[in-house]
Amino acid sequence: MEEESMEEEGGGEAMMDDQNHNNWGAGGYGRHLLGERLLPPAGPPRLAGPEHNGAGLRGCEPGAAAGRAGAAGAIAAINISASTSKFLMNVITIEDYKSTYWPKLDSAIDQLLTQSPGDYIPISYEQIYSCVYKCVCQQHSEQMYSDLIKKITNHLERVSKELQASPPDLYIERFNVALGQYMGALQSIVPLFIYMNKFYIETKLNRDLKDDLIKLFTEHVAEKHIYNLMPLLLEAQSTPFQITPSTMANIVKGLYTLRPEWVQMAPALFSKFIPNILPPAVESELQEYAAQDQKLQRELIQNGFTRGDQSRKRAGEELTYNGSSACASSRGYR
């Protein structure tokens, strides 16, 4: 099958790498691309006949032997010629790549980049996976990587322009949707291009496809919007329930994944969702911590939460705890 692993090695066979690190040699590229049945025979074919038994060999004439040798050479030449023809019929030219293979990949990437969570994508993952595999085998890895980067860059530039046109009250939510949609698409795109990643990007470029694609979002979207986004996040933080806690958490964690040094822009905000951001507490700052707690309580009161509600909640918790303790005591537990 074409889908066999490209890492499979024939025992004891010499292997050579081309510029895209495809295995060439008797057991490498040809076997995976065409299969065992299409490879030229290892030696001249055996001719069945009486000359291969004892009686036949005793009666061999020099002229007859020469005739048989000529026939064997002709048959071998025909077999090699047929195998070469079959090999050439499986070659993917750059024109084939541009007209047949890349359009399939382009359409699938489009659908993956624009899908919403839970959407059904009517594409054949097996077909796309096979297209990538064949293109890597046929030394189109460099062109395919370039096309993929260009495709996703164009998509992200459109996303960035749409965010710039968003009103402030929708800006945070739309950034969250764009970030989540892109990260979700990478979970499908990266595995589909696993052969290109392994035999071209990792081996020749010494990089990783997922890292490259995350970097694209950082450069073309996040960096362009971080100075507009961060003040809105800080404002939303000071106004409870202006945005949902899950949206805030997704954005803050996403920004930290894209560029950890952005923590310095709002350490207190990041520390609420990322552990070990702030330095450990020290005894000399206990008064400052208490002041921060008091400020939070005042803000809650200003937004409709009263001390009476908190007192009743604490009283209810104490009643529940005391009732549980009494029940435990009556059963002999300490």
C-alpha atoms as a PDB file:
ATOM      1  CA  MET A   1       0.000   0.000   0.000  1.00  0.00           C
ATOM      2  CA  GLU A   2       1.064   3.644  -0.608  1.00  0.00           C
ATOM      3  CA  GLU A   3       0.233   4.550   2.939  1.00  0.00           C
ATOM      4  CA  GLU A   4       3.002   2.405   4.504  1.00  0.00           C
ATOM      5  CA  SER A   5       5.360   4.258   6.823  1.00  0.00           C
ATOM      6  CA  MET A   6       8.122   6.200   5.072  1.00  0.00           C
ATOM      7  CA  GLU A   7      10.485   5.170   7.811  1.00  0.00           C
ATOM      8  CA  GLU A   8      10.324   1.454   6.967  1.00  0.00           C
ATOM      9  CA  GLU A   9      13.796   0.209   6.111  1.00  0.00           C
ATOM     10  CA  GLY A  10      14.874  -2.865   4.184  1.00  0.00           C
ATOM     11  CA  GLY A  11      17.367  -5.032   6.055  1.00  0.00           C
ATOM     12  CA  GLY A  12      20.947  -4.450   4.970  1.00  0.00           C
ATOM     13  CA  GLU A  13      20.097  -2.172   2.013  1.00  0.00           C
ATOM     14  CA  ALA A  14      22.076   1.012   1.323  1.00  0.00           C
ATOM     15  CA  MET A  15      19.966   4.160   1.717  1.00  0.00           C
ATOM     16  CA  MET A  16      20.511   7.670   0.356  1.00  0.00           C
ATOM     17  CA  ASP A  17      18.581  10.886   1.072  1.00  0.00           C
ATOM     18  CA  ASP A  18      17.474  13.395  -1.535  1.00  0.00           C
ATOM     19  CA  GLN A  19      17.048  17.115  -0.806  1.00  0.00           C
ATOM     20  CA  ASN A  20      13.676  16.469   0.830  1.00  0.00           C
ATOM     21  CA  HIS A  21      15.042  13.538   2.854  1.00  0.00           C
ATOM     22  CA  ASN A  22      13.098  10.882   0.997  1.00  0.00           C
ATOM     23  CA  ASN A  23      14.782   7.494   1.192  1.00  0.00           C
ATOM     24  CA  TRP A  24      16.277   6.353  -2.104  1.00  0.00           C
ATOM     25  CA  GLY A  25      17.778   3.004  -2.826  1.00  0.00           C
ATOM     26  CA  ALA A  26      16.771  -0.546  -3.466  1.00  0.00           C
ATOM     27  CA  GLY A  27      14.454  -0.672  -0.453  1.00  0.00           C
ATOM     28  CA  GLY A  28      13.487   2.977   0.008  1.00  0.00           C
ATOM     29  CA  TYR A  29      11.687   5.417  -2.250  1.00  0.00           C
ATOM     30  CA  GLY A  30      10.859   3.062  -5.122  1.00  0.00           C
ATOM     31  CA  ARG A  31       9.353   0.390  -2.901  1.00  0.00           C
ATOM     32  CA  HIS A  32       7.084   2.816  -1.026  1.00  0.00           C
ATOM     33  CA  LEU A  33       5.957   4.722  -4.098  1.00  0.00           C
ATOM     34  CA  LEU A  34       5.408   1.872  -6.543  1.00  0.00           C
ATOM     35  CA  GLY A  35       5.232  -1.259  -4.417  1.00  0.00           C
ATOM     36  CA  GLU A  36       7.305  -4.428  -4.656  1.00  0.00           C
ATOM     37  CA  ARG A  37       5.577  -5.632  -7.788  1.00  0.00           C
ATOM     38  CA  LEU A  38       6.760  -2.653  -9.873  1.00  0.00           C
ATOM     39  CA  LEU A  39      10.460  -2.766  -8.965  1.00  0.00           C
ATOM     40  CA  PRO A  40      12.881  -4.114 -11.608  1.00  0.00           C
ATOM     41  CA  PRO A  41      13.966  -7.708 -10.939  1.00  0.00           C
ATOM     42  CA  ALA A  42      17.152  -8.071  -8.908  1.00  0.00           C
ATOM     43  CA  GLY A  43      18.821 -10.337 -11.515  1.00  0.00           C
ATOM     44  CA  PRO A  44      18.236 -11.950 -14.908  1.00  0.00           C
ATOM     45  CA  PRO A  45      15.094 -14.105 -15.024  1.00  0.00           C
ATOM     46  CA  ARG A  46      15.290 -17.838 -14.851  1.00  0.00           C
ATOM     47  CA  LEU A  47      14.125 -19.612 -17.977  1.00  0.00           C
ATOM     48  CA  ALA A  48      12.205 -22.804 -17.409  1.00  0.00           C
ATOM     49  CA  GLY A  49      13.166 -25.673 -19.718  1.00  0.00           C
ATOM     50  CA  PRO A  50      15.065 -28.882 -20.061  1.00  0.00           C
ATOM     51  CA  GLU A  51      18.429 -27.088 -19.891  1.00  0.00           C
ATOM     52  CA  HIS A  52      17.902 -26.741 -16.160  1.00  0.00           C
ATOM     53  CA  ASN A  53      17.855 -30.463 -15.489  1.00  0.00           C
ATOM     54  CA  GLY A  54      20.727 -32.913 -15.759  1.00  0.00           C
ATOM     55  CA  ALA A  55      19.762 -34.439 -19.130  1.00  0.00           C
ATOM     56  CA  GLY A  56      19.329 -31.105 -20.781  1.00  0.00           C
ATOM     57  CA  LEU A  57      22.691 -29.799 -19.633  1.00  0.00           C
ATOM     58  CA  ARG A  58      24.587 -32.746 -21.090  1.00  0.00           C
ATOM     59  CA  GLY A  59      23.256 -31.998 -24.563  1.00  0.00           C
ATOM     60  CA  CYS A  60      23.946 -28.220 -24.672  1.00  0.00           C
ATOM     61  CA  GLU A  61      25.409 -26.825 -27.894  1.00  0.00           C
ATOM     62  CA  PRO A  62      27.455 -23.564 -27.897  1.00  0.00           C
ATOM     63  CA  GLY A  63      25.125 -21.996 -30.479  1.00  0.00           C
ATOM     64  CA  ALA A  64      22.037 -22.987 -28.536  1.00  0.00           C
ATOM     65  CA  ALA A  65      23.520 -21.598 -25.313  1.00  0.00           C
ATOM     66  CA  ALA A  66      24.260 -18.298 -27.037  1.00  0.00           C
ATOM     67  CA  GLY A  67      20.701 -18.181 -28.362  1.00  0.00           C
ATOM     68  CA  ARG A  68      19.244 -18.807 -24.947  1.00  0.00           C
ATOM     69  CA  ALA A  69      21.491 -16.110 -23.411  1.00  0.00           C
ATOM     70  CA  GLY A  70      20.302 -13.618 -26.021  1.00  0.00           C
ATOM     71  CA  ALA A  71      16.680 -14.484 -25.330  1.00  0.00           C
ATOM     72  CA  ALA A  72      17.221 -14.085 -21.575  1.00  0.00           C
ATOM     73  CA  GLY A  73      18.782 -10.647 -22.108  1.00  0.00           C
ATOM     74  CA  ALA A  74      15.900  -9.555 -24.309  1.00  0.00           C
ATOM     75  CA  ILE A  75      13.290 -10.672 -21.767  1.00  0.00           C
ATOM     76  CA  ALA A  76      15.175  -8.916 -18.961  1.00  0.00           C
ATOM     77  CA  ALA A  77      15.335  -5.726 -21.014  1.00  0.00           C
ATOM     78  CA  ILE A  78      11.590  -5.932 -21.676  1.00  0.00           C
ATOM     79  CA  ASN A  79      10.871  -6.419 -17.955  1.00  0.00           C
ATOM     80  CA  ILE A  80      13.065  -3.443 -16.972  1.00  0.00           C
ATOM     81  CA  SER A  81      11.497  -1.293 -19.672  1.00  0.00           C
ATOM     82  CA  ALA A  82       7.991  -2.178 -18.456  1.00  0.00           C
ATOM     83  CA  SER A  83       8.906  -1.384 -14.857  1.00  0.00           C
ATOM     84  CA  THR A  84      10.415   1.956 -15.906  1.00  0.00           C
ATOM     85  CA  SER A  85       7.262   2.839 -17.829  1.00  0.00           C
ATOM     86  CA  LYS A  86       5.102   2.071 -14.822  1.00  0.00           C
ATOM     87  CA  PHE A  87       7.392   4.195 -12.655  1.00  0.00           C
ATOM     88  CA  LEU A  88       7.156   7.153 -15.023  1.00  0.00           C
ATOM     89  CA  MET A  89       3.368   6.891 -15.121  1.00  0.00           C
ATOM     90  CA  ASN A  90       3.311   7.505 -11.342  1.00  0.00           C
ATOM     91  CA  VAL A  91       5.501  10.620 -11.409  1.00  0.00           C
ATOM     92  CA  ILE A  92       3.769  13.822 -10.168  1.00  0.00           C
ATOM     93  CA  THR A  93       5.090  16.801 -12.099  1.00  0.00           C
ATOM     94  CA  ILE A  94       4.991  20.335 -10.751  1.00  0.00           C
ATOM     95  CA  GLU A  95       2.110  20.988 -13.147  1.00  0.00           C
ATOM     96  CA  ASP A  96       0.232  18.003 -11.701  1.00  0.00           C
ATOM     97  CA  TYR A  97       0.867  19.324  -8.212  1.00  0.00           C
ATOM     98  CA  LYS A  98      -0.442  22.796  -9.035  1.00  0.00           C
ATOM     99  CA  SER A  99      -3.481  21.662 -11.025  1.00  0.00           C
ATOM    100  CA  THR A 100      -4.588  18.551  -9.115  1.00  0.00           C
ATOM    101  CA  TYR A 101      -3.017  18.066  -5.701  1.00  0.00           C
ATOM    102  CA  TRP A 102      -2.697  21.548  -4.208  1.00  0.00           C
ATOM    103  CA  PRO A 103      -6.310  22.582  -5.089  1.00  0.00           C
ATOM    104  CA  LYS A 104      -7.555  19.650  -2.996  1.00  0.00           C
ATOM    105  CA  LEU A 105      -5.363  20.689  -0.074  1.00  0.00           C
ATOM    106  CA  ASP A 106      -6.301  24.365  -0.505  1.00  0.00           C
ATOM    107  CA  SER A 107     -10.027  23.609  -0.300  1.00  0.00           C
ATOM    108  CA  ALA A 108      -9.640  21.401   2.779  1.00  0.00           C
ATOM    109  CA  ILE A 109      -7.534  24.035   4.604  1.00  0.00           C
ATOM    110  CA  ASP A 110     -10.167  26.677   3.826  1.00  0.00           C
ATOM    111  CA  GLN A 111     -12.880  24.592   5.445  1.00  0.00           C
ATOM    112  CA  LEU A 112     -10.779  23.781   8.502  1.00  0.00           C
ATOM    113  CA  LEU A 113      -9.817  27.418   9.104  1.00  0.00           C
ATOM    114  CA  THR A 114     -13.399  28.684   8.927  1.00  0.00           C
ATOM    115  CA  GLN A 115     -15.272  25.913  10.720  1.00  0.00           C
ATOM    116  CA  SER A 116     -17.127  26.609  13.926  1.00  0.00           C
ATOM    117  CA  PRO A 117     -16.956  24.251  16.922  1.00  0.00           C
ATOM    118  CA  GLY A 118     -19.227  21.281  16.295  1.00  0.00           C
ATOM    119  CA  ASP A 119     -19.487  21.853  12.527  1.00  0.00           C
ATOM    120  CA  TYR A 120     -19.371  18.847  10.202  1.00  0.00           C
ATOM    121  CA  ILE A 121     -16.640  19.203   7.584  1.00  0.00           C
ATOM    122  CA  PRO A 122     -17.420  17.221   4.395  1.00  0.00           C
ATOM    123  CA  ILE A 123     -13.823  16.359   3.493  1.00  0.00           C
ATOM    124  CA  SER A 124     -11.985  13.069   3.271  1.00  0.00           C
ATOM    125  CA  TYR A 125      -9.132  13.150   5.755  1.00  0.00           C
ATOM    126  CA  GLU A 126      -7.751   9.961   4.190  1.00  0.00           C
ATOM    127  CA  GLN A 127      -7.651  11.598   0.756  1.00  0.00           C
ATOM    128  CA  ILE A 128      -5.912  14.733   2.046  1.00  0.00           C
ATOM    129  CA  TYR A 129      -3.433  12.656   4.045  1.00  0.00           C
ATOM    130  CA  SER A 130      -2.687  10.624   0.896  1.00  0.00           C
ATOM    131  CA  CYS A 131      -2.181  13.772  -1.205  1.00  0.00           C
ATOM    132  CA  VAL A 132       0.383  15.100   1.249  1.00  0.00           C
ATOM    133  CA  TYR A 133       2.177  11.747   1.350  1.00  0.00           C
ATOM    134  CA  LYS A 134       2.434  11.517  -2.439  1.00  0.00           C
ATOM    135  CA  CYS A 135       3.657  15.092  -2.804  1.00  0.00           C
ATOM    136  CA  VAL A 136       6.375  14.526  -0.204  1.00  0.00           C
ATOM    137  CA  CYS A 137       7.473  11.347  -2.002  1.00  0.00           C
ATOM    138  CA  GLN A 138       7.637  13.248  -5.284  1.00  0.00           C
ATOM    139  CA  GLN A 139       9.885  16.004  -3.879  1.00  0.00           C
ATOM    140  CA  HIS A 140       7.233  18.734  -3.684  1.00  0.00           C
ATOM    141  CA  SER A 141       7.666  19.329   0.064  1.00  0.00           C
ATOM    142  CA  GLU A 142       9.274  22.748  -0.308  1.00  0.00           C
ATOM    143  CA  GLN A 143       6.568  24.025  -2.651  1.00  0.00           C
ATOM    144  CA  MET A 144       3.795  22.566  -0.498  1.00  0.00           C
ATOM    145  CA  TYR A 145       5.191  24.163   2.672  1.00  0.00           C
ATOM    146  CA  SER A 146       5.463  27.532   0.930  1.00  0.00           C
ATOM    147  CA  ASP A 147       1.868  27.274  -0.335  1.00  0.00           C
ATOM    148  CA  LEU A 148       0.582  26.301   3.114  1.00  0.00           C
ATOM    149  CA  ILE A 149       2.290  29.250   4.840  1.00  0.00           C
ATOM    150  CA  LYS A 150       1.035  31.676   2.182  1.00  0.00           C
ATOM    151  CA  LYS A 151      -2.508  30.293   2.436  1.00  0.00           C
ATOM    152  CA  ILE A 152      -2.720  30.623   6.223  1.00  0.00           C
ATOM    153  CA  THR A 153      -1.013  34.042   6.226  1.00  0.00           C
ATOM    154  CA  ASN A 154      -3.644  35.423   3.844  1.00  0.00           C
ATOM    155  CA  HIS A 155      -6.402  34.010   6.054  1.00  0.00           C
ATOM    156  CA  LEU A 156      -4.948  35.582   9.206  1.00  0.00           C
ATOM    157  CA  GLU A 157      -4.573  38.974   7.547  1.00  0.00           C
ATOM    158  CA  ARG A 158      -8.305  38.906   6.740  1.00  0.00           C
ATOM    159  CA  VAL A 159      -9.058  37.955  10.345  1.00  0.00           C
ATOM    160  CA  SER A 160      -6.958  40.866  11.597  1.00  0.00           C
ATOM    161  CA  LYS A 161      -8.806  43.358   9.382  1.00  0.00           C
ATOM    162  CA  GLU A 162     -12.166  42.092  10.638  1.00  0.00           C
ATOM    163  CA  LEU A 163     -11.035  42.570  14.246  1.00  0.00           C
ATOM    164  CA  GLN A 164      -9.888  46.125  13.521  1.00  0.00           C
ATOM    165  CA  ALA A 165     -13.391  46.947  12.336  1.00  0.00           C
ATOM    166  CA  SER A 166     -15.024  45.550  15.509  1.00  0.00           C
ATOM    167  CA  PRO A 167     -16.631  47.957  18.036  1.00  0.00           C
ATOM    168  CA  PRO A 168     -15.120  47.973  21.554  1.00  0.00           C
ATOM    169  CA  ASP A 169     -18.062  46.144  23.129  1.00  0.00           C
ATOM    170  CA  LEU A 170     -17.567  43.196  20.728  1.00  0.00           C
ATOM    171  CA  TYR A 171     -13.791  43.325  20.423  1.00  0.00           C
ATOM    172  CA  ILE A 172     -12.927  40.913  23.245  1.00  0.00           C
ATOM    173  CA  GLU A 173     -15.494  38.322  22.241  1.00  0.00           C
ATOM    174  CA  ARG A 174     -14.489  38.400  18.577  1.00  0.00           C
ATOM    175  CA  PHE A 175     -10.802  38.061  19.442  1.00  0.00           C
ATOM    176  CA  ASN A 176     -11.692  35.050  21.584  1.00  0.00           C
ATOM    177  CA  VAL A 177     -13.605  33.465  18.677  1.00  0.00           C
ATOM    178  CA  ALA A 178     -10.739  34.072  16.230  1.00  0.00           C
ATOM    179  CA  LEU A 179      -8.162  32.622  18.642  1.00  0.00           C
ATOM    180  CA  GLY A 180     -10.254  29.558  19.485  1.00  0.00           C
ATOM    181  CA  GLN A 181     -11.182  28.884  15.858  1.00  0.00           C
ATOM    182  CA  TYR A 182      -7.566  29.034  14.699  1.00  0.00           C
ATOM    183  CA  MET A 183      -6.202  26.847  17.492  1.00  0.00           C
ATOM    184  CA  GLY A 184      -8.965  24.340  16.802  1.00  0.00           C
ATOM    185  CA  ALA A 185      -8.066  24.262  13.096  1.00  0.00           C
ATOM    186  CA  LEU A 186      -4.426  23.511  13.918  1.00  0.00           C
ATOM    187  CA  GLN A 187      -5.517  20.317  15.660  1.00  0.00           C
ATOM    188  CA  SER A 188      -6.565  18.994  12.233  1.00  0.00           C
ATOM    189  CA  ILE A 189      -4.099  20.736   9.916  1.00  0.00           C
ATOM    190  CA  VAL A 190      -0.919  19.669  11.704  1.00  0.00           C
ATOM    191  CA  PRO A 191      -1.724  15.907  11.679  1.00  0.00           C
ATOM    192  CA  LEU A 192      -2.725  16.045   7.993  1.00  0.00           C
ATOM    193  CA  PHE A 193       0.725  17.408   7.106  1.00  0.00           C
ATOM    194  CA  ILE A 194       2.626  15.065   9.401  1.00  0.00           C
ATOM    195  CA  TYR A 195       4.762  13.602   6.571  1.00  0.00           C
ATOM    196  CA  MET A 196       5.821  17.033   5.370  1.00  0.00           C
ATOM    197  CA  ASN A 197       6.589  18.008   8.962  1.00  0.00           C
ATOM    198  CA  LYS A 198       8.707  14.951   9.633  1.00  0.00           C
ATOM    199  CA  PHE A 199      10.602  14.610   6.356  1.00  0.00           C
ATOM    200  CA  TYR A 200      11.043  18.289   5.436  1.00  0.00           C
ATOM    201  CA  ILE A 201      10.353  20.816   8.217  1.00  0.00           C
ATOM    202  CA  GLU A 202      11.932  18.930  11.127  1.00  0.00           C
ATOM    203  CA  THR A 203      14.751  17.393   9.089  1.00  0.00           C
ATOM    204  CA  LYS A 204      15.727  20.189   6.730  1.00  0.00           C
ATOM    205  CA  LEU A 205      14.477  23.359   8.437  1.00  0.00           C
ATOM    206  CA  ASN A 206      15.006  22.144  12.021  1.00  0.00           C
ATOM    207  CA  ARG A 207      11.622  23.506  13.044  1.00  0.00           C
ATOM    208  CA  ASP A 208       8.140  22.199  13.836  1.00  0.00           C
ATOM    209  CA  LEU A 209       4.994  22.856  11.803  1.00  0.00           C
ATOM    210  CA  LYS A 210       2.776  23.592  14.793  1.00  0.00           C
ATOM    211  CA  ASP A 211       5.267  26.130  16.163  1.00  0.00           C
ATOM    212  CA  ASP A 212       5.468  27.828  12.758  1.00  0.00           C
ATOM    213  CA  LEU A 213       1.678  28.107  12.466  1.00  0.00           C
ATOM    214  CA  ILE A 214       1.284  29.462  16.009  1.00  0.00           C
ATOM    215  CA  LYS A 215       3.956  32.029  15.203  1.00  0.00           C
ATOM    216  CA  LEU A 216       1.892  33.142  12.195  1.00  0.00           C
ATOM    217  CA  PHE A 217      -1.089  33.966  14.435  1.00  0.00           C
ATOM    218  CA  THR A 218       1.198  35.827  16.829  1.00  0.00           C
ATOM    219  CA  GLU A 219       2.726  37.969  14.090  1.00  0.00           C
ATOM    220  CA  HIS A 220      -0.340  38.656  11.940  1.00  0.00           C
ATOM    221  CA  VAL A 221      -3.092  38.924  14.576  1.00  0.00           C
ATOM    222  CA  ALA A 222      -2.024  39.044  18.233  1.00  0.00           C
ATOM    223  CA  GLU A 223       0.862  41.505  17.889  1.00  0.00           C
ATOM    224  CA  LYS A 224      -1.321  43.900  15.913  1.00  0.00           C
ATOM    225  CA  HIS A 225      -4.101  43.871  18.520  1.00  0.00           C
ATOM    226  CA  ILE A 226      -2.414  43.346  21.883  1.00  0.00           C
ATOM    227  CA  TYR A 227      -2.237  47.079  22.712  1.00  0.00           C
ATOM    228  CA  ASN A 228      -5.933  47.519  21.977  1.00  0.00           C
ATOM    229  CA  LEU A 229      -6.951  44.278  23.638  1.00  0.00           C
ATOM    230  CA  MET A 230      -5.090  44.584  26.947  1.00  0.00           C
ATOM    231  CA  PRO A 231      -6.778  47.830  28.170  1.00  0.00           C
ATOM    232  CA  LEU A 232     -10.173  46.301  27.403  1.00  0.00           C
ATOM    233  CA  LEU A 233      -9.266  43.164  29.358  1.00  0.00           C
ATOM    234  CA  LEU A 234      -8.150  45.240  32.356  1.00  0.00           C
ATOM    235  CA  GLU A 235     -11.368  47.246  32.211  1.00  0.00           C
ATOM    236  CA  ALA A 236     -13.435  44.077  32.004  1.00  0.00           C
ATOM    237  CA  GLN A 237     -11.530  42.651  34.966  1.00  0.00           C
ATOM    238  CA  SER A 238     -12.505  45.614  37.131  1.00  0.00           C
ATOM    239  CA  THR A 239     -16.172  45.238  36.132  1.00  0.00           C
ATOM    240  CA  PRO A 240     -17.470  41.852  37.253  1.00  0.00           C
ATOM    241  CA  PHE A 241     -19.436  39.867  34.666  1.00  0.00           C
ATOM    242  CA  GLN A 242     -18.755  42.283  31.809  1.00  0.00           C
ATOM    243  CA  ILE A 243     -17.445  39.223  29.975  1.00  0.00           C
ATOM    244  CA  THR A 244     -17.776  35.601  30.981  1.00  0.00           C
ATOM    245  CA  PRO A 245     -14.998  34.082  33.112  1.00  0.00           C
ATOM    246  CA  SER A 246     -14.408  31.396  30.463  1.00  0.00           C
ATOM    247  CA  THR A 247     -13.798  34.032  27.767  1.00  0.00           C
ATOM    248  CA  MET A 248     -11.324  35.876  29.983  1.00  0.00           C
ATOM    249  CA  ALA A 249      -9.533  32.632  30.844  1.00  0.00           C
ATOM    250  CA  ASN A 250      -9.305  31.523  27.187  1.00  0.00           C
ATOM    251  CA  ILE A 251      -7.830  34.822  26.052  1.00  0.00           C
ATOM    252  CA  VAL A 252      -5.331  35.182  28.905  1.00  0.00           C
ATOM    253  CA  LYS A 253      -4.101  31.596  28.559  1.00  0.00           C
ATOM    254  CA  GLY A 254      -3.960  31.974  24.787  1.00  0.00           C
ATOM    255  CA  LEU A 255      -1.883  35.163  24.991  1.00  0.00           C
ATOM    256  CA  TYR A 256       0.491  33.456  27.411  1.00  0.00           C
ATOM    257  CA  THR A 257       0.893  30.550  24.954  1.00  0.00           C
ATOM    258  CA  LEU A 258       1.595  32.908  22.063  1.00  0.00           C
ATOM    259  CA  ARG A 259       4.127  35.071  23.908  1.00  0.00           C
ATOM    260  CA  PRO A 260       4.871  34.520  27.627  1.00  0.00           C
ATOM    261  CA  GLU A 261       6.594  37.902  28.003  1.00  0.00           C
ATOM    262  CA  TRP A 262       3.223  39.632  27.585  1.00  0.00           C
ATOM    263  CA  VAL A 263       2.701  38.762  31.254  1.00  0.00           C
ATOM    264  CA  GLN A 264       4.669  41.911  32.092  1.00  0.00           C
ATOM    265  CA  MET A 265       1.884  44.048  30.631  1.00  0.00           C
ATOM    266  CA  ALA A 266      -0.608  42.942  33.311  1.00  0.00           C
ATOM    267  CA  PRO A 267       0.930  40.578  35.905  1.00  0.00           C
ATOM    268  CA  ALA A 268      -2.093  40.700  38.229  1.00  0.00           C
ATOM    269  CA  LEU A 269      -4.455  39.739  35.421  1.00  0.00           C
ATOM    270  CA  PHE A 270      -2.309  36.840  34.186  1.00  0.00           C
ATOM    271  CA  SER A 271      -1.727  35.588  37.728  1.00  0.00           C
ATOM    272  CA  LYS A 272      -5.444  34.845  38.102  1.00  0.00           C
ATOM    273  CA  PHE A 273      -5.270  32.228  35.344  1.00  0.00           C
ATOM    274  CA  ILE A 274      -1.593  31.211  35.100  1.00  0.00           C
ATOM    275  CA  PRO A 275       0.067  29.718  38.222  1.00  0.00           C
ATOM    276  CA  ASN A 276       3.367  31.008  39.608  1.00  0.00           C
ATOM    277  CA  ILE A 277       3.262  34.271  37.691  1.00  0.00           C
ATOM    278  CA  LEU A 278       3.688  36.523  40.727  1.00  0.00           C
ATOM    279  CA  PRO A 279       6.537  36.105  43.236  1.00  0.00           C
ATOM    280  CA  PRO A 280       5.708  34.104  46.386  1.00  0.00           C
ATOM    281  CA  ALA A 281       3.978  35.906  49.281  1.00  0.00           C
ATOM    282  CA  VAL A 282       6.166  37.329  52.014  1.00  0.00           C
ATOM    283  CA  GLU A 283       5.248  38.271  55.555  1.00  0.00           C
ATOM    284  CA  SER A 284       6.239  41.922  55.161  1.00  0.00           C
ATOM    285  CA  GLU A 285       3.488  42.415  52.538  1.00  0.00           C
ATOM    286  CA  LEU A 286       0.588  40.957  54.528  1.00  0.00           C
ATOM    287  CA  GLN A 287      -0.881  44.423  55.089  1.00  0.00           C
ATOM    288  CA  GLU A 288      -0.900  45.038  51.336  1.00  0.00           C
ATOM    289  CA  TYR A 289      -2.660  41.729  50.720  1.00  0.00           C
ATOM    290  CA  ALA A 290      -5.291  42.642  53.313  1.00  0.00           C
ATOM    291  CA  ALA A 291      -5.818  46.022  51.642  1.00  0.00           C
ATOM    292  CA  GLN A 292      -6.359  44.299  48.291  1.00  0.00           C
ATOM    293  CA  ASP A 293      -8.967  41.997  49.858  1.00  0.00           C
ATOM    294  CA  GLN A 294     -10.783  44.964  51.376  1.00  0.00           C
ATOM    295  CA  LYS A 295     -10.797  46.722  48.017  1.00  0.00           C
ATOM    296  CA  LEU A 296     -12.321  43.646  46.389  1.00  0.00           C
ATOM    297  CA  GLN A 297     -15.028  43.528  49.055  1.00  0.00           C
ATOM    298  CA  ARG A 298     -15.889  47.198  48.465  1.00  0.00           C
ATOM    299  CA  GLU A 299     -16.160  46.590  44.733  1.00  0.00           C
ATOM    300  CA  LEU A 300     -18.496  43.659  45.332  1.00  0.00           C
ATOM    301  CA  ILE A 301     -20.698  45.776  47.588  1.00  0.00           C
ATOM    302  CA  GLN A 302     -20.835  48.518  44.935  1.00  0.00           C
ATOM    303  CA  ASN A 303     -22.046  45.944  42.418  1.00  0.00           C
ATOM    304  CA  GLY A 304     -24.928  44.707  44.559  1.00  0.00           C
ATOM    305  CA  PHE A 305     -23.336  42.192  46.905  1.00  0.00           C
ATOM    306  CA  THR A 306     -24.059  43.078  50.541  1.00  0.00           C
ATOM    307  CA  ARG A 307     -22.361  41.988  53.719  1.00  0.00           C
ATOM    308  CA  GLY A 308     -25.677  40.573  54.885  1.00  0.00           C
ATOM    309  CA  ASP A 309     -25.691  38.136  51.991  1.00  0.00           C
ATOM    310  CA  GLN A 310     -22.139  37.080  52.808  1.00  0.00           C
ATOM    311  CA  SER A 311     -22.971  36.767  56.528  1.00  0.00           C
ATOM    312  CA  ARG A 312     -25.996  34.594  55.804  1.00  0.00           C
ATOM    313  CA  LYS A 313     -23.874  32.429  53.522  1.00  0.00           C
ATOM    314  CA  ARG A 314     -21.219  32.003  56.224  1.00  0.00           C
ATOM    315  CA  ALA A 315     -23.899  31.264  58.814  1.00  0.00           C
ATOM    316  CA  GLY A 316     -25.386  28.615  56.568  1.00  0.00           C
ATOM    317  CA  GLU A 317     -21.981  27.041  56.017  1.00  0.00           C
ATOM    318  CA  GLU A 318     -21.343  26.977  59.781  1.00  0.00           C
ATOM    319  CA  LEU A 319     -24.750  25.420  60.407  1.00  0.00           C
ATOM    320  CA  THR A 320     -24.060  22.734  57.817  1.00  0.00           C
ATOM    321  CA  TYR A 321     -20.632  22.066  59.291  1.00  0.00           C
ATOM    322  CA  ASN A 322     -21.942  21.890  62.875  1.00  0.00           C
ATOM    323  CA  GLY A 323     -24.761  19.566  61.832  1.00  0.00           C
ATOM    324  CA  SER A 324     -22.290  17.289  60.066  1.00  0.00           C
ATOM    325  CA  SER A 325     -20.022  17.300  63.127  1.00  0.00           C
ATOM    326  CA  ALA A 326     -22.894  16.396  65.435  1.00  0.00           C
ATOM    327  CA  CYS A 327     -23.908  13.571  63.122  1.00  0.00           C
ATOM    328  CA  ALA A 328     -20.341  12.292  63.039  1.00  0.00           C
ATOM    329  CA  SER A 329     -20.088  12.450  66.834  1.00  0.00           C
ATOM    330  CA  SER A 330     -23.295  10.476  67.230  1.00  0.00           C
ATOM    331  CA  ARG A 331     -21.745   7.720  65.131  1.00  0.00           C
ATOM    332  CA  GLY A 332     -18.599   7.572  67.186  1.00  0.00           C
ATOM    333  CA  TYR A 333     -16.287   9.509  64.797  1.00  0.00           C
ATOM    334  CA  ARG A 334     -13.872  12.102  66.160  1.00  0.00           C
END
